[in-house]
Amino acid sequence: VLGISNRFGSVLGIALQGTIFTQLFA
């Protein structure tokens, strides 16, 4: 489960931060 938390954090980081970046950039 701890390993899955690492992977979920990675997925969320790319998805959410990438979207935040795109909105501010645009």
mmCIF file of all heavy atoms, coordinates in Angstrom:
data_MODEL
# 
_entry.id   MODEL 
# 
loop_
_atom_site.group_PDB 
_atom_site.id 
_atom_site.type_symbol 
_atom_site.label_atom_id 
_atom_site.label_alt_id 
_atom_site.label_comp_id 
_atom_site.label_asym_id 
_atom_site.label_entity_id 
_atom_site.label_seq_id 
_atom_site.pdbx_PDB_ins_code 
_atom_site.Cartn_x 
_atom_site.Cartn_y 
_atom_site.Cartn_z 
_atom_site.occupancy 
_atom_site.B_iso_or_equiv 
_atom_site.pdbx_formal_charge 
_atom_site.auth_seq_id 
_atom_site.auth_comp_id 
_atom_site.auth_asym_id 
_atom_site.auth_atom_id 
_atom_site.pdbx_PDB_model_num 
ATOM 1   N N   . VAL A 1 1  ? 0.837  -1.205 0.000   1.00 0.00 ? 1  VAL A N   1 
ATOM 2   C CA  . VAL A 1 1  ? 0.000  0.000  0.000   1.00 0.00 ? 1  VAL A CA  1 
ATOM 3   C C   . VAL A 1 1  ? 0.868  1.250  0.000   1.00 0.00 ? 1  VAL A C   1 
ATOM 4   O O   . VAL A 1 1  ? 0.572  2.242  -0.698  1.00 0.00 ? 1  VAL A O   1 
ATOM 5   C CB  . VAL A 1 1  ? -0.966 -0.006 1.205   1.00 0.00 ? 1  VAL A CB  1 
ATOM 6   C CG1 . VAL A 1 1  ? -1.677 1.343  1.330   1.00 0.00 ? 1  VAL A CG1 1 
ATOM 7   C CG2 . VAL A 1 1  ? -1.983 -1.118 1.063   1.00 0.00 ? 1  VAL A CG2 1 
ATOM 8   N N   . LEU A 1 2  ? 1.962  1.232  0.762   1.00 0.00 ? 2  LEU A N   1 
ATOM 9   C CA  . LEU A 1 2  ? 2.870  2.383  0.775   1.00 0.00 ? 2  LEU A CA  1 
ATOM 10  C C   . LEU A 1 2  ? 3.465  2.620  -0.613  1.00 0.00 ? 2  LEU A C   1 
ATOM 11  O O   . LEU A 1 2  ? 3.610  3.761  -1.058  1.00 0.00 ? 2  LEU A O   1 
ATOM 12  C CB  . LEU A 1 2  ? 3.989  2.153  1.797   1.00 0.00 ? 2  LEU A CB  1 
ATOM 13  C CG  . LEU A 1 2  ? 3.566  2.185  3.274   1.00 0.00 ? 2  LEU A CG  1 
ATOM 14  C CD1 . LEU A 1 2  ? 4.697  1.661  4.155   1.00 0.00 ? 2  LEU A CD1 1 
ATOM 15  C CD2 . LEU A 1 2  ? 3.169  3.590  3.702   1.00 0.00 ? 2  LEU A CD2 1 
ATOM 16  N N   . GLY A 1 3  ? 3.795  1.532  -1.310  1.00 0.00 ? 3  GLY A N   1 
ATOM 17  C CA  . GLY A 1 3  ? 4.310  1.672  -2.672  1.00 0.00 ? 3  GLY A CA  1 
ATOM 18  C C   . GLY A 1 3  ? 3.272  2.241  -3.618  1.00 0.00 ? 3  GLY A C   1 
ATOM 19  O O   . GLY A 1 3  ? 3.587  3.054  -4.500  1.00 0.00 ? 3  GLY A O   1 
ATOM 20  N N   . ILE A 1 4  ? 2.015  1.831  -3.437  1.00 0.00 ? 4  ILE A N   1 
ATOM 21  C CA  . ILE A 1 4  ? 0.938  2.366  -4.270  1.00 0.00 ? 4  ILE A CA  1 
ATOM 22  C C   . ILE A 1 4  ? 0.747  3.857  -4.007  1.00 0.00 ? 4  ILE A C   1 
ATOM 23  O O   . ILE A 1 4  ? 0.456  4.631  -4.931  1.00 0.00 ? 4  ILE A O   1 
ATOM 24  C CB  . ILE A 1 4  ? -0.367 1.589  -4.007  1.00 0.00 ? 4  ILE A CB  1 
ATOM 25  C CG1 . ILE A 1 4  ? -0.253 0.186  -4.608  1.00 0.00 ? 4  ILE A CG1 1 
ATOM 26  C CG2 . ILE A 1 4  ? -1.579 2.297  -4.595  1.00 0.00 ? 4  ILE A CG2 1 
ATOM 27  C CD1 . ILE A 1 4  ? -1.422 -0.708 -4.301  1.00 0.00 ? 4  ILE A CD1 1 
ATOM 28  N N   . SER A 1 5  ? 0.903  4.281  -2.757  1.00 0.00 ? 5  SER A N   1 
ATOM 29  C CA  . SER A 1 5  ? 0.798  5.713  -2.433  1.00 0.00 ? 5  SER A CA  1 
ATOM 30  C C   . SER A 1 5  ? 1.832  6.517  -3.209  1.00 0.00 ? 5  SER A C   1 
ATOM 31  O O   . SER A 1 5  ? 1.546  7.623  -3.683  1.00 0.00 ? 5  SER A O   1 
ATOM 32  C CB  . SER A 1 5  ? 0.986  5.927  -0.922  1.00 0.00 ? 5  SER A CB  1 
ATOM 33  O OG  . SER A 1 5  ? -0.067 5.332  -0.199  1.00 0.00 ? 5  SER A OG  1 
ATOM 34  N N   . ASN A 1 6  ? 3.049  5.965  -3.348  1.00 0.00 ? 6  ASN A N   1 
ATOM 35  C CA  . ASN A 1 6  ? 4.079  6.643  -4.151  1.00 0.00 ? 6  ASN A CA  1 
ATOM 36  C C   . ASN A 1 6  ? 3.598  6.842  -5.586  1.00 0.00 ? 6  ASN A C   1 
ATOM 37  O O   . ASN A 1 6  ? 3.693  7.932  -6.156  1.00 0.00 ? 6  ASN A O   1 
ATOM 38  C CB  . ASN A 1 6  ? 5.366  5.818  -4.174  1.00 0.00 ? 6  ASN A CB  1 
ATOM 39  C CG  . ASN A 1 6  ? 5.968  5.609  -2.801  1.00 0.00 ? 6  ASN A CG  1 
ATOM 40  O OD1 . ASN A 1 6  ? 5.541  6.214  -1.822  1.00 0.00 ? 6  ASN A OD1 1 
ATOM 41  N ND2 . ASN A 1 6  ? 6.937  4.732  -2.723  1.00 0.00 ? 6  ASN A ND2 1 
ATOM 42  N N   . ARG A 1 7  ? 3.076  5.771  -6.162  1.00 0.00 ? 7  ARG A N   1 
ATOM 43  C CA  . ARG A 1 7  ? 2.640  5.821  -7.565  1.00 0.00 ? 7  ARG A CA  1 
ATOM 44  C C   . ARG A 1 7  ? 1.434  6.742  -7.733  1.00 0.00 ? 7  ARG A C   1 
ATOM 45  O O   . ARG A 1 7  ? 1.343  7.483  -8.718  1.00 0.00 ? 7  ARG A O   1 
ATOM 46  C CB  . ARG A 1 7  ? 2.297  4.407  -8.053  1.00 0.00 ? 7  ARG A CB  1 
ATOM 47  C CG  . ARG A 1 7  ? 3.513  3.513  -8.276  1.00 0.00 ? 7  ARG A CG  1 
ATOM 48  C CD  . ARG A 1 7  ? 3.102  2.080  -8.566  1.00 0.00 ? 7  ARG A CD  1 
ATOM 49  N NE  . ARG A 1 7  ? 4.251  1.251  -8.947  1.00 0.00 ? 7  ARG A NE  1 
ATOM 50  C CZ  . ARG A 1 7  ? 4.524  0.870  -10.187 1.00 0.00 ? 7  ARG A CZ  1 
ATOM 51  N NH1 . ARG A 1 7  ? 3.738  1.250  -11.175 1.00 0.00 ? 7  ARG A NH1 1 
ATOM 52  N NH2 . ARG A 1 7  ? 5.561  0.117  -10.447 1.00 0.00 ? 7  ARG A NH2 1 
ATOM 53  N N   . PHE A 1 8  ? 0.511  6.686  -6.778  1.00 0.00 ? 8  PHE A N   1 
ATOM 54  C CA  . PHE A 1 8  ? -0.666 7.557  -6.873  1.00 0.00 ? 8  PHE A CA  1 
ATOM 55  C C   . PHE A 1 8  ? -0.253 9.022  -6.770  1.00 0.00 ? 8  PHE A C   1 
ATOM 56  O O   . PHE A 1 8  ? -0.796 9.889  -7.473  1.00 0.00 ? 8  PHE A O   1 
ATOM 57  C CB  . PHE A 1 8  ? -1.672 7.212  -5.775  1.00 0.00 ? 8  PHE A CB  1 
ATOM 58  C CG  . PHE A 1 8  ? -2.924 8.054  -5.826  1.00 0.00 ? 8  PHE A CG  1 
ATOM 59  C CD1 . PHE A 1 8  ? -3.804 7.957  -6.892  1.00 0.00 ? 8  PHE A CD1 1 
ATOM 60  C CD2 . PHE A 1 8  ? -3.201 8.967  -4.827  1.00 0.00 ? 8  PHE A CD2 1 
ATOM 61  C CE1 . PHE A 1 8  ? -4.953 8.741  -6.965  1.00 0.00 ? 8  PHE A CE1 1 
ATOM 62  C CE2 . PHE A 1 8  ? -4.348 9.756  -4.874  1.00 0.00 ? 8  PHE A CE2 1 
ATOM 63  C CZ  . PHE A 1 8  ? -5.224 9.638  -5.939  1.00 0.00 ? 8  PHE A CZ  1 
ATOM 64  N N   . GLY A 1 9  ? 0.719  9.328  -5.898  1.00 0.00 ? 9  GLY A N   1 
ATOM 65  C CA  . GLY A 1 9  ? 1.233  10.697 -5.816  1.00 0.00 ? 9  GLY A CA  1 
ATOM 66  C C   . GLY A 1 9  ? 1.832  11.147 -7.130  1.00 0.00 ? 9  GLY A C   1 
ATOM 67  O O   . GLY A 1 9  ? 1.655  12.295 -7.549  1.00 0.00 ? 9  GLY A O   1 
ATOM 68  N N   . SER A 1 10 ? 2.540  10.231 -7.815  1.00 0.00 ? 10 SER A N   1 
ATOM 69  C CA  . SER A 1 10 ? 3.133  10.556 -9.118  1.00 0.00 ? 10 SER A CA  1 
ATOM 70  C C   . SER A 1 10 ? 2.047  10.864 -10.150 1.00 0.00 ? 10 SER A C   1 
ATOM 71  O O   . SER A 1 10 ? 2.135  11.843 -10.893 1.00 0.00 ? 10 SER A O   1 
ATOM 72  C CB  . SER A 1 10 ? 3.996  9.384  -9.600  1.00 0.00 ? 10 SER A CB  1 
ATOM 73  O OG  . SER A 1 10 ? 5.022  9.106  -8.687  1.00 0.00 ? 10 SER A OG  1 
ATOM 74  N N   . VAL A 1 11 ? 1.017  10.011 -10.197 1.00 0.00 ? 11 VAL A N   1 
ATOM 75  C CA  . VAL A 1 11 ? -0.085 10.221 -11.139 1.00 0.00 ? 11 VAL A CA  1 
ATOM 76  C C   . VAL A 1 11 ? -0.776 11.550 -10.868 1.00 0.00 ? 11 VAL A C   1 
ATOM 77  O O   . VAL A 1 11 ? -1.038 12.349 -11.787 1.00 0.00 ? 11 VAL A O   1 
ATOM 78  C CB  . VAL A 1 11 ? -1.111 9.066  -11.031 1.00 0.00 ? 11 VAL A CB  1 
ATOM 79  C CG1 . VAL A 1 11 ? -2.367 9.392  -11.825 1.00 0.00 ? 11 VAL A CG1 1 
ATOM 80  C CG2 . VAL A 1 11 ? -0.498 7.767  -11.537 1.00 0.00 ? 11 VAL A CG2 1 
ATOM 81  N N   . LEU A 1 12 ? -1.081 11.804 -9.592  1.00 0.00 ? 12 LEU A N   1 
ATOM 82  C CA  . LEU A 1 12 ? -1.778 13.034 -9.221  1.00 0.00 ? 12 LEU A CA  1 
ATOM 83  C C   . LEU A 1 12 ? -0.922 14.268 -9.503  1.00 0.00 ? 12 LEU A C   1 
ATOM 84  O O   . LEU A 1 12 ? -1.427 15.309 -9.950  1.00 0.00 ? 12 LEU A O   1 
ATOM 85  C CB  . LEU A 1 12 ? -2.150 12.982 -7.732  1.00 0.00 ? 12 LEU A CB  1 
ATOM 86  C CG  . LEU A 1 12 ? -3.198 13.981 -7.242  1.00 0.00 ? 12 LEU A CG  1 
ATOM 87  C CD1 . LEU A 1 12 ? -4.519 13.774 -7.972  1.00 0.00 ? 12 LEU A CD1 1 
ATOM 88  C CD2 . LEU A 1 12 ? -3.394 13.840 -5.735  1.00 0.00 ? 12 LEU A CD2 1 
ATOM 89  N N   . GLY A 1 13 ? 0.387  14.155 -9.259  1.00 0.00 ? 13 GLY A N   1 
ATOM 90  C CA  . GLY A 1 13 ? 1.285  15.282 -9.513  1.00 0.00 ? 13 GLY A CA  1 
ATOM 91  C C   . GLY A 1 13 ? 1.300  15.682 -10.973 1.00 0.00 ? 13 GLY A C   1 
ATOM 92  O O   . GLY A 1 13 ? 1.197  16.870 -11.314 1.00 0.00 ? 13 GLY A O   1 
ATOM 93  N N   . ILE A 1 14 ? 1.425  14.696 -11.865 1.00 0.00 ? 14 ILE A N   1 
ATOM 94  C CA  . ILE A 1 14 ? 1.434  14.981 -13.302 1.00 0.00 ? 14 ILE A CA  1 
ATOM 95  C C   . ILE A 1 14 ? 0.077  15.516 -13.754 1.00 0.00 ? 14 ILE A C   1 
ATOM 96  O O   . ILE A 1 14 ? -0.018 16.503 -14.492 1.00 0.00 ? 14 ILE A O   1 
ATOM 97  C CB  . ILE A 1 14 ? 1.805  13.726 -14.099 1.00 0.00 ? 14 ILE A CB  1 
ATOM 98  C CG1 . ILE A 1 14 ? 3.231  13.261 -13.772 1.00 0.00 ? 14 ILE A CG1 1 
ATOM 99  C CG2 . ILE A 1 14 ? 1.663  13.981 -15.596 1.00 0.00 ? 14 ILE A CG2 1 
ATOM 100 C CD1 . ILE A 1 14 ? 4.315  14.198 -14.213 1.00 0.00 ? 14 ILE A CD1 1 
ATOM 101 N N   . ALA A 1 15 ? -1.004 14.857 -13.308 1.00 0.00 ? 15 ALA A N   1 
ATOM 102 C CA  . ALA A 1 15 ? -2.348 15.231 -13.777 1.00 0.00 ? 15 ALA A CA  1 
ATOM 103 C C   . ALA A 1 15 ? -2.748 16.614 -13.267 1.00 0.00 ? 15 ALA A C   1 
ATOM 104 O O   . ALA A 1 15 ? -3.122 17.497 -14.054 1.00 0.00 ? 15 ALA A O   1 
ATOM 105 C CB  . ALA A 1 15 ? -3.367 14.183 -13.324 1.00 0.00 ? 15 ALA A CB  1 
ATOM 106 N N   . LEU A 1 16 ? -2.680 16.826 -11.964 1.00 0.00 ? 16 LEU A N   1 
ATOM 107 C CA  . LEU A 1 16 ? -3.167 18.080 -11.381 1.00 0.00 ? 16 LEU A CA  1 
ATOM 108 C C   . LEU A 1 16 ? -2.233 19.247 -11.679 1.00 0.00 ? 16 LEU A C   1 
ATOM 109 O O   . LEU A 1 16 ? -2.682 20.314 -12.129 1.00 0.00 ? 16 LEU A O   1 
ATOM 110 C CB  . LEU A 1 16 ? -3.338 17.909 -9.871  1.00 0.00 ? 16 LEU A CB  1 
ATOM 111 C CG  . LEU A 1 16 ? -3.917 19.115 -9.121  1.00 0.00 ? 16 LEU A CG  1 
ATOM 112 C CD1 . LEU A 1 16 ? -5.276 19.495 -9.686  1.00 0.00 ? 16 LEU A CD1 1 
ATOM 113 C CD2 . LEU A 1 16 ? -4.020 18.814 -7.629  1.00 0.00 ? 16 LEU A CD2 1 
ATOM 114 N N   . GLN A 1 17 ? -0.939 19.043 -11.463 1.00 0.00 ? 17 GLN A N   1 
ATOM 115 C CA  . GLN A 1 17 ? 0.006  20.140 -11.699 1.00 0.00 ? 17 GLN A CA  1 
ATOM 116 C C   . GLN A 1 17 ? 0.113  20.486 -13.183 1.00 0.00 ? 17 GLN A C   1 
ATOM 117 O O   . GLN A 1 17 ? 0.257  21.652 -13.549 1.00 0.00 ? 17 GLN A O   1 
ATOM 118 C CB  . GLN A 1 17 ? 1.388  19.766 -11.141 1.00 0.00 ? 17 GLN A CB  1 
ATOM 119 C CG  . GLN A 1 17 ? 1.460  19.668 -9.618  1.00 0.00 ? 17 GLN A CG  1 
ATOM 120 C CD  . GLN A 1 17 ? 1.563  21.029 -8.963  1.00 0.00 ? 17 GLN A CD  1 
ATOM 121 O OE1 . GLN A 1 17 ? 0.642  21.853 -9.049  1.00 0.00 ? 17 GLN A OE1 1 
ATOM 122 N NE2 . GLN A 1 17 ? 2.675  21.283 -8.301  1.00 0.00 ? 17 GLN A NE2 1 
ATOM 123 N N   . GLY A 1 18 ? 0.021  19.467 -14.031 1.00 0.00 ? 18 GLY A N   1 
ATOM 124 C CA  . GLY A 1 18 ? 0.029  19.746 -15.472 1.00 0.00 ? 18 GLY A CA  1 
ATOM 125 C C   . GLY A 1 18 ? -1.173 20.564 -15.900 1.00 0.00 ? 18 GLY A C   1 
ATOM 126 O O   . GLY A 1 18 ? -1.063 21.477 -16.736 1.00 0.00 ? 18 GLY A O   1 
ATOM 127 N N   . THR A 1 19 ? -2.328 20.258 -15.309 1.00 0.00 ? 19 THR A N   1 
ATOM 128 C CA  . THR A 1 19 ? -3.543 21.012 -15.626 1.00 0.00 ? 19 THR A CA  1 
ATOM 129 C C   . THR A 1 19 ? -3.468 22.435 -15.084 1.00 0.00 ? 19 THR A C   1 
ATOM 130 O O   . THR A 1 19 ? -3.855 23.397 -15.766 1.00 0.00 ? 19 THR A O   1 
ATOM 131 C CB  . THR A 1 19 ? -4.777 20.290 -15.049 1.00 0.00 ? 19 THR A CB  1 
ATOM 132 O OG1 . THR A 1 19 ? -4.875 19.000 -15.663 1.00 0.00 ? 19 THR A OG1 1 
ATOM 133 C CG2 . THR A 1 19 ? -6.052 21.067 -15.338 1.00 0.00 ? 19 THR A CG2 1 
ATOM 134 N N   . ILE A 1 20 ? -2.989 22.587 -13.860 1.00 0.00 ? 20 ILE A N   1 
ATOM 135 C CA  . ILE A 1 20 ? -2.804 23.932 -13.281 1.00 0.00 ? 20 ILE A CA  1 
ATOM 136 C C   . ILE A 1 20 ? -1.868 24.754 -14.153 1.00 0.00 ? 20 ILE A C   1 
ATOM 137 O O   . ILE A 1 20 ? -2.135 25.919 -14.479 1.00 0.00 ? 20 ILE A O   1 
ATOM 138 C CB  . ILE A 1 20 ? -2.252 23.826 -11.850 1.00 0.00 ? 20 ILE A CB  1 
ATOM 139 C CG1 . ILE A 1 20 ? -3.325 23.275 -10.910 1.00 0.00 ? 20 ILE A CG1 1 
ATOM 140 C CG2 . ILE A 1 20 ? -1.760 25.187 -11.351 1.00 0.00 ? 20 ILE A CG2 1 
ATOM 141 C CD1 . ILE A 1 20 ? -2.816 22.952 -9.519  1.00 0.00 ? 20 ILE A CD1 1 
ATOM 142 N N   . PHE A 1 21 ? -0.766 24.132 -14.563 1.00 0.00 ? 21 PHE A N   1 
ATOM 143 C CA  . PHE A 1 21 ? 0.195  24.829 -15.420 1.00 0.00 ? 21 PHE A CA  1 
ATOM 144 C C   . PHE A 1 21 ? -0.461 25.270 -16.727 1.00 0.00 ? 21 PHE A C   1 
ATOM 145 O O   . PHE A 1 21 ? -0.292 26.418 -17.167 1.00 0.00 ? 21 PHE A O   1 
ATOM 146 C CB  . PHE A 1 21 ? 1.385  23.921 -15.719 1.00 0.00 ? 21 PHE A CB  1 
ATOM 147 C CG  . PHE A 1 21 ? 2.273  24.435 -16.811 1.00 0.00 ? 21 PHE A CG  1 
ATOM 148 C CD1 . PHE A 1 21 ? 3.240  25.392 -16.539 1.00 0.00 ? 21 PHE A CD1 1 
ATOM 149 C CD2 . PHE A 1 21 ? 2.122  23.996 -18.113 1.00 0.00 ? 21 PHE A CD2 1 
ATOM 150 C CE1 . PHE A 1 21 ? 4.046  25.896 -17.556 1.00 0.00 ? 21 PHE A CE1 1 
ATOM 151 C CE2 . PHE A 1 21 ? 2.917  24.489 -19.132 1.00 0.00 ? 21 PHE A CE2 1 
ATOM 152 C CZ  . PHE A 1 21 ? 3.882  25.443 -18.847 1.00 0.00 ? 21 PHE A CZ  1 
ATOM 153 N N   . THR A 1 22 ? -1.207 24.373 -17.367 1.00 0.00 ? 22 THR A N   1 
ATOM 154 C CA  . THR A 1 22 ? -1.848 24.683 -18.648 1.00 0.00 ? 22 THR A CA  1 
ATOM 155 C C   . THR A 1 22 ? -2.807 25.860 -18.516 1.00 0.00 ? 22 THR A C   1 
ATOM 156 O O   . THR A 1 22 ? -2.831 26.758 -19.370 1.00 0.00 ? 22 THR A O   1 
ATOM 157 C CB  . THR A 1 22 ? -2.598 23.450 -19.180 1.00 0.00 ? 22 THR A CB  1 
ATOM 158 O OG1 . THR A 1 22 ? -1.661 22.383 -19.370 1.00 0.00 ? 22 THR A OG1 1 
ATOM 159 C CG2 . THR A 1 22 ? -3.275 23.750 -20.508 1.00 0.00 ? 22 THR A CG2 1 
ATOM 160 N N   . GLN A 1 23 ? -3.602 25.876 -17.459 1.00 0.00 ? 23 GLN A N   1 
ATOM 161 C CA  . GLN A 1 23 ? -4.566 26.961 -17.256 1.00 0.00 ? 23 GLN A CA  1 
ATOM 162 C C   . GLN A 1 23 ? -3.866 28.301 -17.079 1.00 0.00 ? 23 GLN A C   1 
ATOM 163 O O   . GLN A 1 23 ? -4.273 29.309 -17.671 1.00 0.00 ? 23 GLN A O   1 
ATOM 164 C CB  . GLN A 1 23 ? -5.445 26.641 -16.042 1.00 0.00 ? 23 GLN A CB  1 
ATOM 165 C CG  . GLN A 1 23 ? -6.407 25.492 -16.256 1.00 0.00 ? 23 GLN A CG  1 
ATOM 166 C CD  . GLN A 1 23 ? -7.251 25.198 -15.032 1.00 0.00 ? 23 GLN A CD  1 
ATOM 167 O OE1 . GLN A 1 23 ? -6.983 25.698 -13.947 1.00 0.00 ? 23 GLN A OE1 1 
ATOM 168 N NE2 . GLN A 1 23 ? -8.281 24.380 -15.196 1.00 0.00 ? 23 GLN A NE2 1 
ATOM 169 N N   . LEU A 1 24 ? -2.806 28.322 -16.253 1.00 0.00 ? 24 LEU A N   1 
ATOM 170 C CA  . LEU A 1 24 ? -2.088 29.583 -16.017 1.00 0.00 ? 24 LEU A CA  1 
ATOM 171 C C   . LEU A 1 24 ? -1.336 30.031 -17.260 1.00 0.00 ? 24 LEU A C   1 
ATOM 172 O O   . LEU A 1 24 ? -1.298 31.223 -17.579 1.00 0.00 ? 24 LEU A O   1 
ATOM 173 C CB  . LEU A 1 24 ? -1.114 29.412 -14.839 1.00 0.00 ? 24 LEU A CB  1 
ATOM 174 C CG  . LEU A 1 24 ? -1.650 29.744 -13.443 1.00 0.00 ? 24 LEU A CG  1 
ATOM 175 C CD1 . LEU A 1 24 ? -1.947 31.242 -13.341 1.00 0.00 ? 24 LEU A CD1 1 
ATOM 176 C CD2 . LEU A 1 24 ? -2.868 28.939 -13.081 1.00 0.00 ? 24 LEU A CD2 1 
ATOM 177 N N   . PHE A 1 25 ? -0.730 29.084 -17.963 1.00 0.00 ? 25 PHE A N   1 
ATOM 178 C CA  . PHE A 1 25 ? -0.017 29.399 -19.200 1.00 0.00 ? 25 PHE A CA  1 
ATOM 179 C C   . PHE A 1 25 ? -0.975 30.030 -20.210 1.00 0.00 ? 25 PHE A C   1 
ATOM 180 O O   . PHE A 1 25 ? -0.677 31.081 -20.809 1.00 0.00 ? 25 PHE A O   1 
ATOM 181 C CB  . PHE A 1 25 ? 0.593  28.118 -19.768 1.00 0.00 ? 25 PHE A CB  1 
ATOM 182 C CG  . PHE A 1 25 ? 1.292  28.286 -21.087 1.00 0.00 ? 25 PHE A CG  1 
ATOM 183 C CD1 . PHE A 1 25 ? 2.657  28.525 -21.143 1.00 0.00 ? 25 PHE A CD1 1 
ATOM 184 C CD2 . PHE A 1 25 ? 0.595  28.212 -22.288 1.00 0.00 ? 25 PHE A CD2 1 
ATOM 185 C CE1 . PHE A 1 25 ? 3.307  28.687 -22.366 1.00 0.00 ? 25 PHE A CE1 1 
ATOM 186 C CE2 . PHE A 1 25 ? 1.226  28.373 -23.510 1.00 0.00 ? 25 PHE A CE2 1 
ATOM 187 C CZ  . PHE A 1 25 ? 2.597  28.605 -23.539 1.00 0.00 ? 25 PHE A CZ  1 
ATOM 188 N N   . ALA A 1 26 ? -2.133 29.410 -20.400 1.00 0.00 ? 26 ALA A N   1 
ATOM 189 C CA  . ALA A 1 26 ? -3.097 29.897 -21.402 1.00 0.00 ? 26 ALA A CA  1 
ATOM 190 C C   . ALA A 1 26 ? -3.635 31.269 -21.040 1.00 0.00 ? 26 ALA A C   1 
ATOM 191 O O   . ALA A 1 26 ? -3.742 32.163 -21.901 1.00 0.00 ? 26 ALA A O   1 
ATOM 192 C CB  . ALA A 1 26 ? -4.244 28.898 -21.539 1.00 0.00 ? 26 ALA A CB  1 
# 
